[in-house]
Every structure is written in C-alpha cells, then in structure tokens.
Amino acid sequence: GRVAESINQIGGATVSTGPSEATMAASLLLSRLAAARRAVPHALPGALAARANVNLGKASLFFRPFAAQYTPPPQADRMGTADLCDVHMPDPVDVMVPRKVAVCEPGYFNDYGGKLRFHGKISTVLCFENNPHVRAALEEKGEGRVLVVDAGASKRCALLGDFLAETGTKNGWSGIIINGCCRDSEEIGKLDIGVKTIGTHPLKSSKRDKGMRDVPVSFAGVTFKPGSYVYADMDGVLVSDEKLEL
C-alpha cells in the first residue's frame, strides 16, 4: 500500500489491486515504478528521490516470490556437513526418497575437542560404563579414523579422559564420538582431535567388562557401521556407507 501510494504521488497513477486483477496490477505497478526510477532523480529533490528508490527496491523484492534459490558452491577443503548435505542430499526434506546419507538427531552431542570439524572411516566400540576397548582402540594407529563408542547413553561415569584423548591424538585418530560422557573436558579442548559426547562426568568408568569391538551400533537416530564414514562439525553429524566428496 505504501509503495502504491508513493507512486500515486510521483506519477499520478492509480493501480487496482482487486483479487481477480493481481497479475495485471503487479505488472502495471512495476512498469510505473521503473518509469519513476528514470524520472525521479531529475524531477525531485534528493531526499524524495531516495525515498522513491527505496520504495522501488521494496516492491521489486515483494514481487519476486518465485526467484530461483541460490546455493553457494561447496568448499571442498572444509568438508562441512552443510556443504555435504547440499551435494549429497539434493531432494527436498519433505519428499520420501531413499537417501544415502543419514543425519544424526540434532542437539544430541556436545563438542569438547579442540578440532570442531572432523571426518573419517568408522571404527566402533559397544560397551556400558567400562572402557578397556576404548583404551585399546586409541592405542592403535588411527590413520585418520573416527572412533564411535556406544556406551548406552550412560551419564553415571566418563569413558574418556584427557590421557586417552591425547593418546588418540598422537596416534592419528581424527575424532571420537561417544554415546556417553567424557571428563577432563578443559584439557581435551586443547587437543587437536574432535570429541563429541552427550555430556561430562567427573567419575571414571569401570574396567571389568571389555564390551565388543567393530560391531554396528545405533544411537542418535542412525546406525554406525565399521568401515562406513562419518562427518562431523558444529552443525551436526552425517553417516554414509560410501566416502563423500565435494
């Protein structure tokens, strides 16, 4: 209404906006606005001309509801989860189609490691309030892998501390994702390794029951399989059976 009023004042035109004339009204209004833009800078003082141009800009934006969406090109050096979703999950979110990438439940994890973006091939541990296999895995050569630990979402103790996190860093692990807790979080935040857990707890875990190594584990709405790939950053966690590229 303000845009049409401004044009009425400038060009003396009246535009009908009845429901049955919406398309013609929009076309006529834009035509008048274009003419006004050409005429106003020469005919009116600077302040009024600026106001007309502002109104024209608003109208142009208002009458572009079907403009194509712009997606910036992915940044391959980052391997961010947002870029990976744009490339590997192109179908609209509300369309029921098979997808090769699974997205973990948002807000499930907290970040504690010094590396906030990490990815790699998955190795798993299945345990509950016991971490011998976590230690054994991190003492191996990581070769850029990500250790995924299903600890049953226990919040009664921590399966990872600064010593084991540092061991993983030195041995070349890219990251650690735990469906459970860590401790020494301030020190872990200084290490060049990604660490995502569901929380912190100051009490260490038990050592009696080793659990299982390299079996499929499911939590946060997805299944992590040994040999598959995981991609993590502050936006979320993605899981794919195949290695993803940008």
Protein backbone atom coordinates (compact mmCIF):
# COMPACT_ATOMS: atom_id res chain seq x y z
CA GLY A 1 0.00 0.00 0.00
CA ARG A 2 2.83 2.41 0.84
CA VAL A 3 4.61 1.62 -2.43
CA ALA A 4 1.45 2.23 -4.50
CA GLU A 5 0.78 5.43 -2.53
CA SER A 6 4.29 6.69 -3.24
CA ILE A 7 3.89 6.06 -6.96
CA ASN A 8 0.49 7.78 -6.98
CA GLN A 9 2.20 10.84 -5.56
CA ILE A 10 5.00 10.66 -8.12
CA GLY A 11 3.30 9.64 -11.34
CA GLY A 12 -0.38 10.21 -10.70
CA ALA A 13 -1.25 6.60 -11.45
CA THR A 14 -3.86 4.55 -9.63
CA VAL A 15 -3.38 0.78 -9.54
CA SER A 16 -6.30 -1.56 -8.87
CA THR A 17 -5.40 -4.44 -6.58
CA GLY A 18 -8.59 -6.48 -6.66
CA PRO A 19 -8.09 -10.20 -6.17
CA SER A 20 -9.01 -11.00 -9.78
CA GLU A 21 -6.52 -8.46 -11.15
CA ALA A 22 -3.44 -9.37 -9.08
CA THR A 23 -1.20 -10.26 -12.01
CA MET A 24 -2.10 -7.21 -14.09
CA ALA A 25 -1.77 -4.98 -11.04
CA ALA A 26 1.71 -6.25 -10.28
CA SER A 27 2.83 -5.77 -13.89
CA LEU A 28 1.43 -2.26 -14.08
CA LEU A 29 2.91 -1.28 -10.72
CA LEU A 30 6.37 -2.46 -11.70
CA SER A 31 6.10 -0.63 -15.01
CA ARG A 32 5.19 2.60 -13.19
CA LEU A 33 7.98 2.05 -10.70
CA ALA A 34 10.53 1.61 -13.49
CA ALA A 35 9.34 4.82 -15.11
CA ALA A 36 9.50 6.56 -11.75
CA ARG A 37 13.09 5.47 -11.22
CA ARG A 38 14.07 7.03 -14.52
CA ALA A 39 12.16 10.23 -13.87
CA VAL A 40 12.51 10.89 -10.17
CA PRO A 41 16.26 11.67 -9.92
CA HIS A 42 15.82 14.52 -12.44
CA ALA A 43 12.47 15.82 -11.21
CA LEU A 44 12.56 15.69 -7.42
CA PRO A 45 14.88 16.82 -4.62
CA GLY A 46 17.45 14.30 -3.43
CA ALA A 47 15.61 13.17 -0.28
CA LEU A 48 12.36 12.41 -2.14
CA ALA A 49 14.22 10.69 -4.97
CA ALA A 50 15.99 8.46 -2.45
CA ARG A 51 12.64 7.60 -0.88
CA ALA A 52 11.23 6.62 -4.27
CA ASN A 53 14.21 4.37 -4.96
CA VAL A 54 13.79 2.69 -1.56
CA ASN A 55 10.12 2.05 -2.31
CA LEU A 56 11.07 0.65 -5.71
CA GLY A 57 13.57 -1.74 -4.12
CA LYS A 58 10.94 -2.97 -1.68
CA ALA A 59 8.44 -3.53 -4.45
CA SER A 60 10.94 -5.42 -6.58
CA LEU A 61 11.66 -7.77 -3.70
CA PHE A 62 7.96 -8.17 -2.95
CA PHE A 63 7.12 -9.23 -6.49
CA ARG A 64 9.84 -11.89 -6.81
CA PRO A 65 8.32 -14.84 -4.90
CA PHE A 66 9.40 -17.40 -7.48
CA ALA A 67 13.04 -16.39 -7.84
CA ALA A 68 15.39 -19.38 -8.04
CA GLN A 69 17.13 -20.24 -4.76
CA TYR A 70 20.86 -19.63 -4.75
CA THR A 71 23.17 -22.17 -3.15
CA PRO A 72 26.82 -21.10 -2.87
CA PRO A 73 29.39 -23.57 -4.19
CA PRO A 74 30.73 -26.10 -1.65
CA GLN A 75 34.12 -25.59 -0.03
CA ALA A 76 35.92 -28.88 -0.52
CA ASP A 77 38.73 -28.04 1.90
CA ARG A 78 36.28 -27.75 4.81
CA MET A 79 34.14 -30.85 4.19
CA GLY A 80 31.41 -29.16 6.23
CA THR A 81 28.20 -31.04 6.90
CA ALA A 82 26.10 -28.25 5.36
CA ASP A 83 28.00 -28.47 2.06
CA LEU A 84 27.84 -32.27 2.13
CA CYS A 85 24.07 -32.15 2.60
CA ASP A 86 23.69 -29.71 -0.32
CA VAL A 87 25.65 -32.01 -2.63
CA HIS A 88 24.62 -35.47 -1.43
CA MET A 89 21.07 -34.83 -0.18
CA PRO A 90 19.60 -32.72 -3.02
CA ASP A 91 16.00 -33.87 -2.64
CA PRO A 92 13.62 -31.67 -0.61
CA VAL A 93 13.42 -32.67 3.03
CA ASP A 94 9.68 -33.39 2.82
CA VAL A 95 10.00 -35.84 -0.09
CA MET A 96 10.04 -39.55 0.78
CA VAL A 97 13.01 -40.91 -1.17
CA PRO A 98 15.94 -43.23 -0.35
CA ARG A 99 18.90 -41.24 0.92
CA LYS A 100 22.50 -42.40 1.02
CA VAL A 101 23.39 -40.05 3.88
CA ALA A 102 21.92 -40.27 7.40
CA VAL A 103 21.80 -37.26 9.72
CA CYS A 104 22.12 -37.71 13.48
CA GLU A 105 19.48 -36.28 15.77
CA PRO A 106 20.19 -32.56 16.19
CA GLY A 107 21.38 -31.41 19.59
CA TYR A 108 22.31 -34.94 20.67
CA PHE A 109 26.04 -34.24 21.08
CA ASN A 110 28.21 -31.57 22.65
CA ASP A 111 31.65 -30.58 21.32
CA TYR A 112 34.65 -30.90 23.65
CA GLY A 113 37.66 -31.48 21.39
CA GLY A 114 39.98 -28.82 20.04
CA LYS A 115 39.04 -29.85 16.49
CA LEU A 116 35.43 -28.91 15.73
CA ARG A 117 35.29 -30.31 12.20
CA PHE A 118 36.46 -33.88 11.59
CA HIS A 119 35.67 -36.92 9.48
CA GLY A 120 36.97 -40.38 8.67
CA LYS A 121 36.31 -44.08 8.42
CA ILE A 122 34.38 -45.53 11.36
CA SER A 123 35.67 -47.96 13.97
CA THR A 124 33.26 -48.86 16.78
CA VAL A 125 33.12 -49.95 20.41
CA LEU A 126 30.00 -51.29 22.14
CA CYS A 127 30.24 -51.11 25.93
CA PHE A 128 28.49 -49.92 29.08
CA GLU A 129 30.26 -47.99 31.82
CA ASN A 130 33.51 -49.86 31.01
CA ASN A 131 36.25 -48.56 28.69
CA PRO A 132 39.00 -51.21 28.11
CA HIS A 133 38.16 -51.39 24.41
CA VAL A 134 38.16 -47.60 24.16
CA ARG A 135 41.70 -47.54 25.50
CA ALA A 136 42.80 -50.41 23.26
CA ALA A 137 41.38 -48.74 20.16
CA LEU A 138 43.01 -45.35 20.83
CA GLU A 139 46.36 -47.06 21.41
CA GLU A 140 46.20 -48.32 17.81
CA LYS A 141 47.26 -46.31 14.78
CA GLY A 142 44.23 -44.24 13.94
CA GLU A 143 45.12 -43.44 10.33
CA GLY A 144 42.52 -40.68 10.26
CA ARG A 145 39.68 -42.85 11.54
CA VAL A 146 36.88 -41.83 13.90
CA LEU A 147 36.17 -43.99 16.97
CA VAL A 148 32.43 -44.29 17.60
CA VAL A 149 31.50 -45.61 21.06
CA ASP A 150 28.01 -46.70 22.04
CA ALA A 151 28.05 -46.55 25.84
CA GLY A 152 24.30 -46.89 26.22
CA ALA A 153 23.87 -43.14 26.85
CA SER A 154 25.04 -43.65 30.43
CA LYS A 155 25.58 -40.47 32.42
CA ARG A 156 26.93 -42.22 35.52
CA CYS A 157 30.61 -42.08 34.55
CA ALA A 158 33.06 -40.97 31.86
CA LEU A 159 34.57 -43.30 29.26
CA LEU A 160 37.14 -40.80 28.00
CA GLY A 161 39.59 -38.52 29.79
CA ASP A 162 42.42 -36.26 28.72
CA PHE A 163 45.02 -39.05 28.77
CA LEU A 164 43.13 -41.30 26.34
CA ALA A 165 42.17 -38.31 24.18
CA GLU A 166 45.82 -37.31 23.98
CA THR A 167 46.74 -40.91 23.12
CA GLY A 168 44.27 -40.82 20.26
CA THR A 169 45.66 -37.51 19.05
CA LYS A 170 49.24 -38.82 19.00
CA ASN A 171 48.18 -41.99 17.20
CA GLY A 172 46.44 -40.15 14.38
CA TRP A 173 42.75 -40.55 15.21
CA SER A 174 40.65 -37.82 13.61
CA GLY A 175 37.89 -37.86 16.22
CA ILE A 176 35.92 -39.66 18.92
CA ILE A 177 32.12 -39.79 19.17
CA ILE A 178 30.66 -41.26 22.36
CA ASN A 179 27.09 -42.07 23.28
CA GLY A 180 28.15 -41.38 26.85
CA CYS A 181 30.33 -38.96 28.79
CA CYS A 182 33.88 -37.67 28.92
CA ARG A 183 35.83 -35.88 31.64
CA ASP A 184 38.85 -33.52 31.77
CA SER A 185 36.92 -31.52 29.20
CA GLU A 186 39.01 -28.35 29.57
CA GLU A 187 42.21 -30.24 28.75
CA ILE A 188 40.54 -32.17 25.92
CA GLY A 189 39.59 -28.84 24.38
CA LYS A 190 43.30 -28.06 23.91
CA LEU A 191 43.96 -31.20 21.85
CA ASP A 192 43.90 -31.44 18.06
CA ILE A 193 41.19 -34.08 17.95
CA GLY A 194 37.44 -33.99 17.56
CA VAL A 195 35.43 -35.16 20.57
CA LYS A 196 31.64 -35.30 20.68
CA THR A 197 29.84 -36.78 23.69
CA ILE A 198 26.43 -36.38 25.31
CA GLY A 199 27.92 -34.69 28.37
CA THR A 200 30.63 -34.70 31.02
CA HIS A 201 31.06 -36.60 34.27
CA PRO A 202 33.99 -36.44 36.72
CA LEU A 203 33.85 -40.13 37.71
CA LYS A 204 35.94 -42.62 35.69
CA SER A 205 34.45 -45.80 34.28
CA SER A 206 34.97 -49.40 35.33
CA LYS A 207 37.44 -51.79 33.66
CA ARG A 208 35.78 -55.20 34.21
CA ASP A 209 33.71 -55.74 31.06
CA LYS A 210 35.50 -55.04 27.78
CA GLY A 211 32.43 -54.90 25.60
CA MET A 212 32.72 -55.50 21.83
CA ARG A 213 34.81 -54.09 19.00
CA ASP A 214 33.82 -53.21 15.45
CA VAL A 215 30.15 -54.16 15.51
CA PRO A 216 27.29 -51.99 14.18
CA VAL A 217 25.98 -49.59 16.85
CA SER A 218 22.86 -47.44 16.74
CA PHE A 219 22.10 -44.19 18.57
CA ALA A 220 21.14 -40.58 17.80
CA GLY A 221 18.74 -41.94 15.16
CA VAL A 222 21.38 -43.55 12.91
CA THR A 223 23.45 -46.74 12.64
CA PHE A 224 27.25 -46.52 12.63
CA LYS A 225 28.85 -49.47 10.83
CA PRO A 226 32.56 -50.28 10.90
CA GLY A 227 34.12 -49.23 7.61
CA SER A 228 31.45 -46.63 6.85
CA TYR A 229 32.22 -42.91 7.03
CA VAL A 230 31.24 -40.17 9.47
CA TYR A 231 31.43 -36.40 9.01
CA ALA A 232 31.06 -34.08 11.98
CA ASP A 233 31.17 -30.37 12.75
CA MET A 234 29.24 -27.88 14.86
CA ASP A 235 26.18 -28.22 12.61
CA GLY A 236 25.77 -31.95 13.12
CA VAL A 237 26.92 -35.47 12.29
CA LEU A 238 26.45 -37.32 8.99
CA VAL A 239 26.92 -41.03 8.30
CA SER A 240 27.42 -42.61 4.89
CA ASP A 241 28.27 -46.11 3.69
CA GLU A 242 30.41 -44.52 0.98
CA LYS A 243 33.13 -41.91 1.19
CA LEU A 244 31.69 -38.48 0.34
CA GLU A 245 33.42 -35.95 -1.89
CA LEU A 246 32.84 -32.28 -2.64
